[in-house]
Amino acid sequence: MALPDFVVVGAPDAGTRILHTALARHPGLAMSEPAEPGFFLAPGERPPHPGGAEPDVPVWCRADYEALFPNSGLRPRGESTPYYLADFPAQRRMHELLPYLRMVVVLRDPVERAYANWLAQRSAGLEQLPTLAAALEAEEARRAAGWKRRWRYAEHGRYGSQLRRLHTLFPPGQVLLVRYRDLVARPAVALRDICAFVRAADPASTGASLAAPGCTFVPAVLGPDGVRAREVRSEDADPLAPALAVLHRRLDPGPPLPPGLREQVLDRFADDIMLLAEVTRQSYDEWLDRGDLPLGTSS
């Protein structure tokens, strides 16, 4: 049976797709393709998608889901579907099938996350309302009318209530919380924490290639004069290097908020931010003030 050992479960517009791409470059992990199969969003049957629209759940059949993890060997298998975090029925399906599953949750300032989500929809021509505030006002009516998850700008940033629900099924020890700002500003530290949590395999013991996927050779070790000294040994190669390169190249702080927007919409998130602090025993006070701390130089 080929099922995941860990899942990146959220949040949308918090760098999860890029994180998936980065983890797929680690030789000690086996990540799904596609990145967001959404298997647990569907109750084991083909989800409806009228009018020829793309389905919310690309992979709904269990046989097809298991086929996403071929030849993984001793490497932990993983997938990334950021909508799982806000979907309690999906979490119950996960628990029924995989009660010891490990989960990674990326937490982004909910106002910045909502704005990035709204802006992406506007840029794609999928959001007609001219401001995030207007879209937030319309969210409940849209949901009642059957609008898809991509338009739930507030819901996907209410991490406190989501994690409180999640912990009724999975204990906190099976859930790793990662700050989006750390993925951007301290990617090496964040990535090492994630790989340790999901128990990424040691390539030297699994026989996995030390070269990044897509490379046809292992880079040479050069001497001080630039001449090839010897081939790289396992102790010379950092299996995190290809993954880290993806985060350095593709992840950024995101678009700045328009002046006054945080103050205008913060009341939709303030109670949940305080709940998040209670559930996680960590402080998120900056989200109630100026947002995430200024991002420094990547490490």
Protein backbone atom coordinates (compact mmCIF):
# COMPACT_ATOMS: atom_id res chain seq x y z
CA MET A 1 0.00 0.00 0.00
CA ALA A 2 1.51 3.33 -1.09
CA LEU A 3 -0.02 6.12 0.95
CA PRO A 4 1.60 9.30 2.26
CA ASP A 5 3.57 9.45 5.48
CA PHE A 6 3.09 13.20 5.73
CA VAL A 7 0.98 15.94 4.15
CA VAL A 8 1.39 19.70 3.87
CA VAL A 9 -2.21 20.57 4.78
CA GLY A 10 -2.24 24.37 4.60
CA ALA A 11 -2.64 27.16 4.29
CA PRO A 12 -3.52 28.26 0.74
CA ASP A 13 -1.47 31.19 -0.58
CA ALA A 14 1.18 30.55 2.06
CA GLY A 15 3.87 29.12 -0.18
CA THR A 16 2.74 25.49 0.02
CA ARG A 17 3.06 24.76 -3.69
CA ILE A 18 6.59 26.17 -3.74
CA LEU A 19 7.41 24.23 -0.58
CA HIS A 20 6.17 21.06 -2.29
CA THR A 21 8.43 21.77 -5.26
CA ALA A 22 11.35 22.29 -2.89
CA LEU A 23 10.71 19.07 -0.97
CA ALA A 24 10.45 17.17 -4.26
CA ARG A 25 14.09 18.15 -4.89
CA HIS A 26 15.22 16.44 -1.68
CA PRO A 27 16.64 12.98 -2.54
CA GLY A 28 15.40 11.56 0.75
CA LEU A 29 11.70 12.32 0.10
CA ALA A 30 9.13 11.03 -2.39
CA MET A 31 6.62 13.76 -3.23
CA SER A 32 3.44 13.34 -5.23
CA GLU A 33 2.90 14.60 -8.75
CA PRO A 34 0.64 16.56 -9.01
CA ALA A 35 1.46 18.66 -6.00
CA GLU A 36 -2.14 19.13 -4.85
CA PRO A 37 -4.09 15.92 -5.52
CA GLY A 38 -6.86 16.78 -3.04
CA PHE A 39 -7.74 13.12 -2.53
CA PHE A 40 -9.18 13.53 0.97
CA LEU A 41 -11.48 16.37 -0.12
CA ALA A 42 -13.69 13.85 -1.93
CA PRO A 43 -15.64 11.07 -0.17
CA GLY A 44 -14.31 8.33 -2.44
CA GLU A 45 -16.38 9.25 -5.47
CA ARG A 46 -15.97 11.48 -8.49
CA PRO A 47 -16.65 15.08 -7.40
CA PRO A 48 -19.07 17.12 -9.50
CA HIS A 49 -17.70 19.87 -11.73
CA PRO A 50 -20.53 21.06 -14.00
CA GLY A 51 -20.02 23.09 -17.13
CA GLY A 52 -16.67 21.54 -17.96
CA ALA A 53 -14.93 23.42 -15.16
CA GLU A 54 -11.78 22.01 -13.63
CA PRO A 55 -12.60 19.88 -10.57
CA ASP A 56 -11.47 20.94 -7.10
CA VAL A 57 -10.20 17.38 -6.61
CA PRO A 58 -7.84 16.22 -9.38
CA VAL A 59 -7.34 12.75 -7.82
CA TRP A 60 -10.35 11.16 -6.13
CA CYS A 61 -9.86 7.43 -6.80
CA ARG A 62 -7.74 5.60 -4.21
CA ALA A 63 -5.91 3.50 -6.79
CA ASP A 64 -4.92 6.65 -8.64
CA TYR A 65 -3.87 8.26 -5.36
CA GLU A 66 -1.61 5.37 -4.41
CA ALA A 67 -0.09 5.50 -7.89
CA LEU A 68 1.27 8.97 -7.05
CA PHE A 69 3.97 7.40 -4.88
CA PRO A 70 5.79 4.82 -7.03
CA ASN A 71 9.19 3.37 -6.13
CA SER A 72 9.53 5.38 -2.94
CA GLY A 73 11.58 2.71 -1.20
CA LEU A 74 12.55 3.86 2.30
CA ARG A 75 11.86 7.50 1.54
CA PRO A 76 8.89 9.10 3.33
CA ARG A 77 6.04 9.86 0.93
CA GLY A 78 4.36 13.26 0.95
CA GLU A 79 1.75 15.38 -0.77
CA SER A 80 0.54 18.97 -0.37
CA THR A 81 -3.10 20.01 -0.49
CA PRO A 82 -3.52 23.32 1.37
CA TYR A 83 -7.33 23.10 1.50
CA TYR A 84 -7.20 20.19 3.97
CA LEU A 85 -6.61 22.54 6.91
CA ALA A 86 -10.04 24.18 6.63
CA ASP A 87 -11.91 21.00 5.71
CA PHE A 88 -12.85 18.91 8.77
CA PRO A 89 -14.51 16.09 6.76
CA ALA A 90 -11.23 15.72 4.85
CA GLN A 91 -9.36 15.51 8.15
CA ARG A 92 -11.69 12.78 9.38
CA ARG A 93 -11.05 10.78 6.20
CA MET A 94 -7.34 11.21 6.75
CA HIS A 95 -7.62 10.02 10.33
CA GLU A 96 -9.69 6.98 9.39
CA LEU A 97 -7.10 5.87 6.85
CA LEU A 98 -3.87 7.26 8.31
CA PRO A 99 -4.18 7.95 12.05
CA TYR A 100 -0.42 8.40 12.48
CA LEU A 101 -0.03 10.82 9.59
CA ARG A 102 2.34 13.74 10.12
CA MET A 103 1.16 17.17 9.00
CA VAL A 104 2.94 20.39 8.10
CA VAL A 105 1.00 23.66 8.40
CA VAL A 106 2.39 26.92 7.01
CA LEU A 107 0.92 29.92 8.82
CA ARG A 108 0.92 33.29 7.08
CA ASP A 109 -0.38 36.56 8.51
CA PRO A 110 -4.10 36.09 7.70
CA VAL A 111 -4.59 39.60 6.34
CA GLU A 112 -1.57 39.26 4.04
CA ARG A 113 -2.73 35.78 3.04
CA ALA A 114 -6.23 37.01 2.20
CA TYR A 115 -4.86 39.92 0.20
CA ALA A 116 -2.48 37.68 -1.78
CA ASN A 117 -5.38 35.28 -2.45
CA TRP A 118 -7.70 38.12 -3.59
CA LEU A 119 -4.99 39.73 -5.72
CA ALA A 120 -4.24 36.43 -7.47
CA GLN A 121 -7.93 36.04 -8.28
CA ARG A 122 -8.13 39.61 -9.59
CA SER A 123 -5.02 39.11 -11.73
CA ALA A 124 -6.52 35.95 -13.20
CA GLY A 125 -9.76 37.76 -14.05
CA LEU A 126 -11.71 35.63 -11.55
CA GLU A 127 -12.61 38.32 -9.01
CA GLN A 128 -14.88 41.18 -10.00
CA LEU A 129 -15.14 42.97 -6.67
CA PRO A 130 -12.70 45.90 -6.62
CA THR A 131 -11.39 45.54 -3.04
CA LEU A 132 -10.60 42.79 -0.59
CA ALA A 133 -12.97 44.39 1.91
CA ALA A 134 -15.85 44.08 -0.55
CA ALA A 135 -14.93 40.46 -1.29
CA LEU A 136 -14.88 39.65 2.42
CA GLU A 137 -18.36 41.15 2.78
CA ALA A 138 -19.57 38.87 -0.01
CA GLU A 139 -17.86 35.70 1.21
CA GLU A 140 -20.70 34.10 3.18
CA ALA A 141 -23.26 34.69 0.44
CA ARG A 142 -20.87 33.35 -2.17
CA ARG A 143 -20.22 30.22 -0.15
CA ALA A 144 -23.95 29.64 0.27
CA ALA A 145 -24.30 30.00 -3.51
CA GLY A 146 -21.69 27.29 -4.09
CA TRP A 147 -18.61 29.35 -4.95
CA LYS A 148 -15.40 27.32 -4.74
CA ARG A 149 -12.70 27.38 -2.10
CA ARG A 150 -10.51 29.92 -3.90
CA TRP A 151 -12.96 32.70 -2.98
CA ARG A 152 -12.93 31.98 0.77
CA TYR A 153 -10.51 34.74 1.68
CA ALA A 154 -11.37 34.91 5.39
CA GLU A 155 -12.07 31.23 6.05
CA HIS A 156 -8.63 30.03 5.00
CA GLY A 157 -6.93 32.41 7.41
CA ARG A 158 -8.81 31.33 10.54
CA TYR A 159 -6.07 29.02 11.73
CA GLY A 160 -7.04 28.98 15.39
CA SER A 161 -10.41 27.32 14.86
CA GLN A 162 -8.95 25.05 12.19
CA LEU A 163 -6.14 23.79 14.41
CA ARG A 164 -8.47 23.36 17.39
CA ARG A 165 -10.63 21.07 15.23
CA LEU A 166 -7.62 19.27 13.80
CA HIS A 167 -6.29 18.48 17.28
CA THR A 168 -9.49 16.59 18.13
CA LEU A 169 -8.22 14.00 15.62
CA PHE A 170 -4.45 14.42 15.48
CA PRO A 171 -2.36 15.35 18.54
CA PRO A 172 -0.12 18.44 18.35
CA GLY A 173 2.93 16.18 18.20
CA GLN A 174 1.87 15.08 14.72
CA VAL A 175 1.48 18.65 13.47
CA LEU A 176 4.41 20.94 12.67
CA LEU A 177 3.66 24.67 12.49
CA VAL A 178 5.90 26.69 10.18
CA ARG A 179 5.73 30.46 9.84
CA TYR A 180 5.62 31.74 6.26
CA ARG A 181 7.98 34.54 7.24
CA ASP A 182 10.55 31.92 8.28
CA LEU A 183 10.28 30.14 4.91
CA VAL A 184 11.09 33.50 3.30
CA ALA A 185 13.64 34.94 5.72
CA ARG A 186 15.20 31.79 7.22
CA PRO A 187 14.58 29.08 4.63
CA ALA A 188 17.50 26.87 5.66
CA VAL A 189 16.32 26.68 9.26
CA ALA A 190 12.68 26.15 8.28
CA LEU A 191 13.56 23.48 5.72
CA ARG A 192 15.76 21.55 8.15
CA ASP A 193 12.97 21.60 10.73
CA ILE A 194 10.49 20.26 8.18
CA CYS A 195 12.80 17.53 6.91
CA ALA A 196 13.59 16.43 10.45
CA PHE A 197 9.89 16.34 11.34
CA VAL A 198 8.89 14.25 8.32
CA ARG A 199 11.98 12.07 8.82
CA ALA A 200 13.55 12.60 5.42
CA ALA A 201 15.69 9.60 4.57
CA ASP A 202 19.48 9.78 4.55
CA PRO A 203 20.44 9.36 0.86
CA ALA A 204 23.62 7.56 1.87
CA SER A 205 21.62 4.78 3.55
CA THR A 206 18.78 4.53 0.99
CA GLY A 207 20.83 4.51 -2.17
CA ALA A 208 19.06 7.62 -3.45
CA SER A 209 21.00 9.77 -5.83
CA LEU A 210 22.79 12.73 -4.28
CA ALA A 211 22.33 14.69 -7.46
CA ALA A 212 19.28 16.92 -7.76
CA PRO A 213 16.43 15.42 -9.79
CA GLY A 214 16.99 16.18 -13.43
CA CYS A 215 20.79 16.29 -13.09
CA THR A 216 22.80 13.71 -14.97
CA PHE A 217 25.97 13.99 -12.89
CA VAL A 218 27.17 14.66 -9.38
CA PRO A 219 29.12 17.95 -9.30
CA ALA A 220 32.87 17.76 -8.92
CA VAL A 221 34.84 19.06 -5.96
CA LEU A 222 37.35 21.65 -7.14
CA GLY A 223 40.69 22.43 -5.60
CA PRO A 224 41.95 25.95 -4.75
CA ASP A 225 43.23 26.36 -8.31
CA GLY A 226 39.86 25.47 -9.79
CA VAL A 227 41.05 22.07 -11.01
CA ARG A 228 38.88 19.00 -10.35
CA ALA A 229 40.27 17.45 -7.19
CA ARG A 230 37.96 14.46 -6.78
CA GLU A 231 34.37 13.42 -7.16
CA VAL A 232 31.99 14.53 -4.46
CA ARG A 233 31.60 12.13 -1.54
CA SER A 234 28.38 11.61 0.38
CA GLU A 235 29.71 13.68 3.28
CA ASP A 236 30.32 16.63 0.92
CA ALA A 237 26.81 16.86 -0.52
CA ASP A 238 24.01 18.58 1.36
CA PRO A 239 20.74 16.91 0.35
CA LEU A 240 18.94 20.12 1.32
CA ALA A 241 20.83 22.25 -1.21
CA PRO A 242 18.53 21.65 -4.24
CA ALA A 243 15.42 22.21 -2.10
CA LEU A 244 16.87 25.34 -0.55
CA ALA A 245 17.67 26.72 -3.99
CA VAL A 246 13.96 26.49 -4.90
CA LEU A 247 12.92 28.52 -1.85
CA HIS A 248 15.62 31.13 -2.45
CA ARG A 249 14.61 31.50 -6.08
CA ARG A 250 10.83 31.41 -5.90
CA LEU A 251 9.58 32.50 -2.48
CA ASP A 252 9.18 36.17 -1.55
CA PRO A 253 7.37 38.26 1.09
CA GLY A 254 4.49 38.90 -1.28
CA PRO A 255 2.69 42.10 -2.28
CA PRO A 256 2.60 44.92 0.29
CA LEU A 257 -0.77 45.75 1.75
CA PRO A 258 -2.45 48.96 0.58
CA PRO A 259 -2.43 51.68 3.27
CA GLY A 260 -5.23 51.23 5.78
CA LEU A 261 -6.28 47.76 4.61
CA ARG A 262 -5.14 45.93 7.74
CA GLU A 263 -7.12 48.25 9.99
CA GLN A 264 -10.14 47.92 7.72
CA VAL A 265 -10.37 44.12 7.76
CA LEU A 266 -8.53 43.02 10.91
CA ASP A 267 -11.74 42.60 12.90
CA ARG A 268 -12.54 39.55 10.77
CA PHE A 269 -9.45 37.77 12.10
CA ALA A 270 -8.67 39.25 15.53
CA ASP A 271 -10.67 36.77 17.60
CA ASP A 272 -9.17 33.83 15.74
CA ILE A 273 -5.63 35.16 16.10
CA MET A 274 -6.13 35.19 19.87
CA LEU A 275 -7.56 31.67 19.70
CA LEU A 276 -4.53 30.56 17.66
CA ALA A 277 -2.23 31.82 20.42
CA GLU A 278 -4.25 29.85 22.97
CA VAL A 279 -4.27 26.64 20.91
CA THR A 280 -0.57 26.74 19.99
CA ARG A 281 0.80 28.51 23.10
CA GLN A 282 2.69 30.83 20.81
CA SER A 283 2.33 34.57 20.31
CA TYR A 284 0.99 36.09 17.11
CA ASP A 285 0.57 39.60 18.52
CA GLU A 286 2.29 41.19 15.52
CA TRP A 287 -0.65 40.09 13.35
CA LEU A 288 -2.87 42.29 15.53
CA ASP A 289 -0.60 45.26 14.97
CA ARG A 290 1.69 45.74 11.97
CA GLY A 291 1.67 42.23 10.53
CA ASP A 292 4.63 39.90 10.36
CA LEU A 293 7.94 41.31 11.47
CA PRO A 294 10.10 42.88 8.72
CA LEU A 295 11.72 40.14 6.71
CA GLY A 296 15.48 40.05 6.83
CA THR A 297 18.10 38.49 4.63
CA SER A 298 17.56 34.84 3.73
CA SER A 299 19.88 32.37 5.38
